[in-house]
Amino acid sequence: MTKKERYTYVLDYFKKNVPNAETELTYSNPYELIVAVVLSAQCTDKRVNMVTPALFKKYPEPKSLSKATVEDVFSLIKSISYPNNKAKHLVGLGQLLMSKFKGIVPSEVEDLVLLPGVGRKTANVVASVVFNQPKMAVDTHVFRVSARIGLTTNSTTPLETEKQLVKNIPEELIHIAHHWLILHGRYVCTAKNPKCDMCELKSACKSFKKLSKASSH
C-alpha cells in the first residue's frame, strides 16, 4: 500500500464511520474553549469538563478573568494537573486578551501563541475548532496514531508530524481529521495495549503489519 492509498483508506473510513467528530471539551464560545484547552494539557477532557462550569460562572469573560487572583483561580482548578502553573497562565491570558486583543480571542495562530499557556498545539485547536481553519493540532494521540498507522514517517517532533499530515490530508478535512486521530488514539489505538483486534484500520496499518509478521515467525 502506498502512502497515498493509506491516507485515502484511513480518511474514507473516518468519513463514513465518524462523520461528526468534534472536541469532547464543553464550551460555548472561543473564550471558554481556549481556557478549557489550556486546562486540558496533560489532563483528561472529562476532568476539565467537571471543573469549567464553576470557573466560567465566576469568570464568564476575559475581563473578569483578568481581574482574578491566581489564588482564586487555583481554588477552582486544583483538581486538575499542574494547577499552580495553569492558574497563573489563565490570569495572564485574561490580562493579555484585554490589553492586546480588546477582550476578543484572536483567530490567527501567530496571535494565539502570544497568550500565556498557549503553545502551538493549543493555538491550532482553537483555530481549527472555533474558526474552522485547516490547522492540525498534534497532541500525544495524534503523534502516536499517525506514526503507528504509517501516515507519518521518521517524525520525531509534533511540528514534523503536523507538516506531514497537512501536506497529505485535503485542506477541507484537516480540521476534522484532527478529531478523528485524537478519538482513535483515545479509544482504540491506545498508548498501552492498543485494541488492534477491534480496529477497522488494521489492514492499512504499518504497525499492525509488523506485529502480524513478528507473531507469525
Protein backbone atom coordinates (compact mmCIF):
# COMPACT_ATOMS: atom_id res chain seq x y z
CA MET A 1 0.00 0.00 0.00
CA THR A 2 1.42 3.38 -0.99
CA LYS A 3 1.27 6.35 1.36
CA LYS A 4 -1.40 7.97 -0.82
CA GLU A 5 -3.51 4.79 -0.73
CA ARG A 6 -3.09 4.58 3.04
CA TYR A 7 -4.30 8.16 3.53
CA THR A 8 -7.28 7.54 1.22
CA TYR A 9 -8.23 4.35 3.07
CA VAL A 10 -7.97 5.94 6.54
CA LEU A 11 -9.81 9.16 5.61
CA ASP A 12 -12.57 7.26 3.77
CA TYR A 13 -13.09 5.06 6.83
CA PHE A 14 -13.43 8.03 9.17
CA LYS A 15 -15.66 9.99 6.77
CA LYS A 16 -18.04 7.05 6.60
CA ASN A 17 -17.97 5.97 10.25
CA VAL A 18 -17.24 9.14 12.26
CA PRO A 19 -18.72 11.95 10.14
CA ASN A 20 -19.35 14.33 13.04
CA ALA A 21 -16.20 14.07 15.16
CA GLU A 22 -15.64 17.06 17.45
CA THR A 23 -13.87 18.08 20.61
CA GLU A 24 -15.05 16.45 23.84
CA LEU A 25 -14.40 19.66 25.77
CA THR A 26 -17.55 21.53 26.78
CA TYR A 27 -17.57 25.20 25.71
CA SER A 28 -19.96 27.79 24.30
CA ASN A 29 -17.62 30.45 22.84
CA PRO A 30 -13.96 30.98 21.84
CA TYR A 31 -13.01 32.29 25.30
CA GLU A 32 -14.38 29.18 27.04
CA LEU A 33 -12.65 26.89 24.54
CA ILE A 34 -9.22 28.46 24.92
CA VAL A 35 -9.49 28.29 28.73
CA ALA A 36 -10.59 24.64 28.52
CA VAL A 37 -7.76 23.72 26.14
CA VAL A 38 -5.16 25.37 28.40
CA LEU A 39 -6.56 23.34 31.31
CA SER A 40 -6.57 20.12 29.26
CA ALA A 41 -2.77 19.92 28.86
CA GLN A 42 -1.75 16.56 30.35
CA CYS A 43 -5.24 16.21 31.80
CA THR A 44 -8.37 14.41 30.60
CA ASP A 45 -11.19 16.31 28.90
CA LYS A 46 -13.58 14.62 31.33
CA ARG A 47 -11.80 16.15 34.32
CA VAL A 48 -11.66 19.58 32.64
CA ASN A 49 -15.41 19.46 31.96
CA MET A 50 -16.01 18.84 35.68
CA VAL A 51 -14.09 21.99 36.63
CA THR A 52 -15.02 24.55 33.99
CA PRO A 53 -18.71 25.21 34.89
CA ALA A 54 -17.79 26.81 38.24
CA LEU A 55 -14.82 28.60 36.64
CA PHE A 56 -16.93 30.08 33.83
CA LYS A 57 -19.66 31.05 36.27
CA LYS A 58 -17.22 33.13 38.28
CA TYR A 59 -15.19 34.37 35.29
CA PRO A 60 -17.58 34.41 32.30
CA GLU A 61 -15.37 36.52 30.06
CA PRO A 62 -11.74 37.75 29.71
CA LYS A 63 -12.40 40.96 31.67
CA SER A 64 -13.39 39.19 34.89
CA LEU A 65 -10.59 36.64 34.47
CA SER A 66 -8.06 39.45 34.02
CA LYS A 67 -9.00 40.80 37.45
CA ALA A 68 -8.89 37.43 39.21
CA THR A 69 -6.18 36.47 41.68
CA VAL A 70 -4.07 33.41 40.96
CA GLU A 71 -5.19 32.00 44.33
CA ASP A 72 -8.89 32.28 43.42
CA VAL A 73 -8.39 30.58 40.07
CA PHE A 74 -6.25 27.90 41.73
CA SER A 75 -9.03 27.12 44.22
CA LEU A 76 -11.39 26.37 41.33
CA ILE A 77 -8.99 24.24 39.27
CA LYS A 78 -6.95 22.49 41.97
CA SER A 79 -8.19 19.01 40.95
CA ILE A 80 -6.57 19.46 37.52
CA SER A 81 -2.95 18.56 36.72
CA TYR A 82 -0.41 21.37 37.31
CA PRO A 83 -2.96 23.77 38.85
CA ASN A 84 -0.35 26.29 40.05
CA ASN A 85 1.05 26.93 36.58
CA LYS A 86 -2.35 26.82 34.92
CA ALA A 87 -3.84 29.31 37.38
CA LYS A 88 -1.01 31.76 36.57
CA HIS A 89 -1.44 31.12 32.83
CA LEU A 90 -5.19 31.78 32.93
CA VAL A 91 -4.91 35.07 34.81
CA GLY A 92 -2.17 36.16 32.40
CA LEU A 93 -4.27 35.02 29.45
CA GLY A 94 -7.20 37.14 30.64
CA GLN A 95 -4.94 40.15 31.10
CA LEU A 96 -3.34 39.86 27.66
CA LEU A 97 -6.70 39.32 25.95
CA MET A 98 -7.83 42.61 27.49
CA SER A 99 -4.65 44.65 26.94
CA LYS A 100 -3.70 43.44 23.45
CA PHE A 101 -6.85 42.00 21.86
CA LYS A 102 -9.69 44.11 23.32
CA GLY A 103 -11.14 41.10 25.12
CA ILE A 104 -11.59 39.09 21.93
CA VAL A 105 -9.89 35.75 21.30
CA PRO A 106 -7.81 36.19 18.11
CA SER A 107 -8.29 33.78 15.22
CA GLU A 108 -4.70 33.61 13.95
CA VAL A 109 -2.23 31.07 15.33
CA GLU A 110 0.52 33.72 15.36
CA ASP A 111 -1.56 35.82 17.77
CA LEU A 112 -2.89 32.93 19.83
CA VAL A 113 0.59 31.64 20.73
CA LEU A 114 1.37 35.01 22.38
CA LEU A 115 -1.14 34.15 25.13
CA PRO A 116 0.19 32.58 28.36
CA GLY A 117 -0.26 28.82 28.46
CA VAL A 118 -0.99 28.66 24.73
CA GLY A 119 1.51 26.68 22.68
CA ARG A 120 1.25 25.77 19.01
CA LYS A 121 -0.96 22.76 19.71
CA THR A 122 -3.47 24.80 21.74
CA ALA A 123 -3.46 27.58 19.15
CA ASN A 124 -4.14 25.07 16.37
CA VAL A 125 -7.02 23.55 18.35
CA VAL A 126 -8.69 26.95 18.77
CA ALA A 127 -8.05 27.98 15.15
CA SER A 128 -9.48 24.73 13.78
CA VAL A 129 -12.37 24.15 16.21
CA VAL A 130 -13.73 27.69 16.53
CA PHE A 131 -12.59 29.29 13.30
CA ASN A 132 -12.67 26.18 11.05
CA GLN A 133 -9.16 26.82 9.77
CA PRO A 134 -7.18 23.96 8.19
CA LYS A 135 -4.89 23.61 11.22
CA MET A 136 -3.65 20.28 12.56
CA ALA A 137 -3.13 20.23 16.32
CA VAL A 138 -0.73 17.43 17.25
CA ASP A 139 -1.10 16.05 20.75
CA THR A 140 0.26 12.74 22.05
CA HIS A 141 -2.66 10.81 20.49
CA VAL A 142 -2.24 12.33 17.02
CA PHE A 143 1.55 11.89 17.18
CA ARG A 144 1.29 8.22 18.18
CA VAL A 145 -1.58 7.17 15.89
CA SER A 146 -0.10 8.86 12.80
CA ALA A 147 3.23 7.10 13.28
CA ARG A 148 1.71 3.70 14.05
CA ILE A 149 -0.62 3.67 11.05
CA GLY A 150 2.13 4.99 8.79
CA LEU A 151 0.61 8.36 7.93
CA THR A 152 3.88 9.90 9.08
CA THR A 153 7.39 8.53 8.68
CA ASN A 154 10.50 9.23 10.75
CA SER A 155 8.80 12.10 12.57
CA THR A 156 10.47 13.00 15.86
CA THR A 157 8.56 16.20 16.72
CA PRO A 158 4.91 17.34 16.80
CA LEU A 159 5.74 20.04 14.24
CA GLU A 160 7.16 17.49 11.79
CA THR A 161 4.05 15.34 12.25
CA GLU A 162 1.85 18.40 11.70
CA LYS A 163 3.65 19.25 8.45
CA GLN A 164 3.38 15.71 7.08
CA LEU A 165 -0.33 15.43 7.91
CA VAL A 166 -1.21 18.86 6.49
CA LYS A 167 0.69 18.03 3.31
CA ASN A 168 -1.25 14.79 2.73
CA ILE A 169 -4.76 15.49 4.02
CA PRO A 170 -7.14 17.52 1.80
CA GLU A 171 -7.47 21.03 3.22
CA GLU A 172 -11.21 20.78 3.81
CA LEU A 173 -10.72 17.69 6.01
CA ILE A 174 -7.82 18.89 8.18
CA HIS A 175 -9.90 20.40 10.99
CA ILE A 176 -11.99 17.23 11.42
CA ALA A 177 -9.08 14.82 10.81
CA HIS A 178 -7.52 16.25 13.99
CA HIS A 179 -10.53 14.94 15.95
CA TRP A 180 -10.58 11.61 14.10
CA LEU A 181 -6.99 10.87 15.07
CA ILE A 182 -7.41 12.04 18.68
CA LEU A 183 -10.54 9.97 19.26
CA HIS A 184 -8.99 6.93 17.59
CA GLY A 185 -5.97 7.28 19.87
CA ARG A 186 -8.10 7.83 22.95
CA TYR A 187 -10.42 4.85 22.49
CA VAL A 188 -8.84 2.34 20.06
CA CYS A 189 -5.16 2.93 19.33
CA THR A 190 -4.30 3.49 22.99
CA ALA A 191 -0.73 4.04 24.20
CA LYS A 192 -0.72 0.79 26.17
CA ASN A 193 -2.47 -2.32 24.88
CA PRO A 194 -3.95 -0.87 21.66
CA LYS A 195 -7.20 -2.60 20.68
CA CYS A 196 -5.93 -3.93 17.34
CA ASP A 197 -8.48 -6.76 17.31
CA MET A 198 -11.37 -4.27 17.07
CA CYS A 199 -9.58 -1.71 14.89
CA GLU A 200 -11.07 -1.23 11.43
CA LEU A 201 -7.86 0.35 10.15
CA LYS A 202 -5.56 -2.62 10.71
CA SER A 203 -5.47 -3.60 7.04
CA ALA A 204 -3.88 -0.20 6.32
CA CYS A 205 -1.75 -0.06 9.49
CA LYS A 206 2.03 -0.41 9.24
CA SER A 207 2.39 -1.19 12.93
CA PHE A 208 -0.20 -3.98 12.80
CA LYS A 209 1.52 -5.46 9.73
CA LYS A 210 4.83 -5.55 11.61
CA LEU A 211 3.21 -7.15 14.66
CA SER A 212 1.49 -9.77 12.48
CA LYS A 213 4.77 -10.64 10.74
CA ALA A 214 6.60 -10.91 14.06
CA SER A 215 3.94 -13.21 15.60
CA SER A 216 3.86 -15.47 12.53
CA HIS A 217 7.58 -16.30 12.83
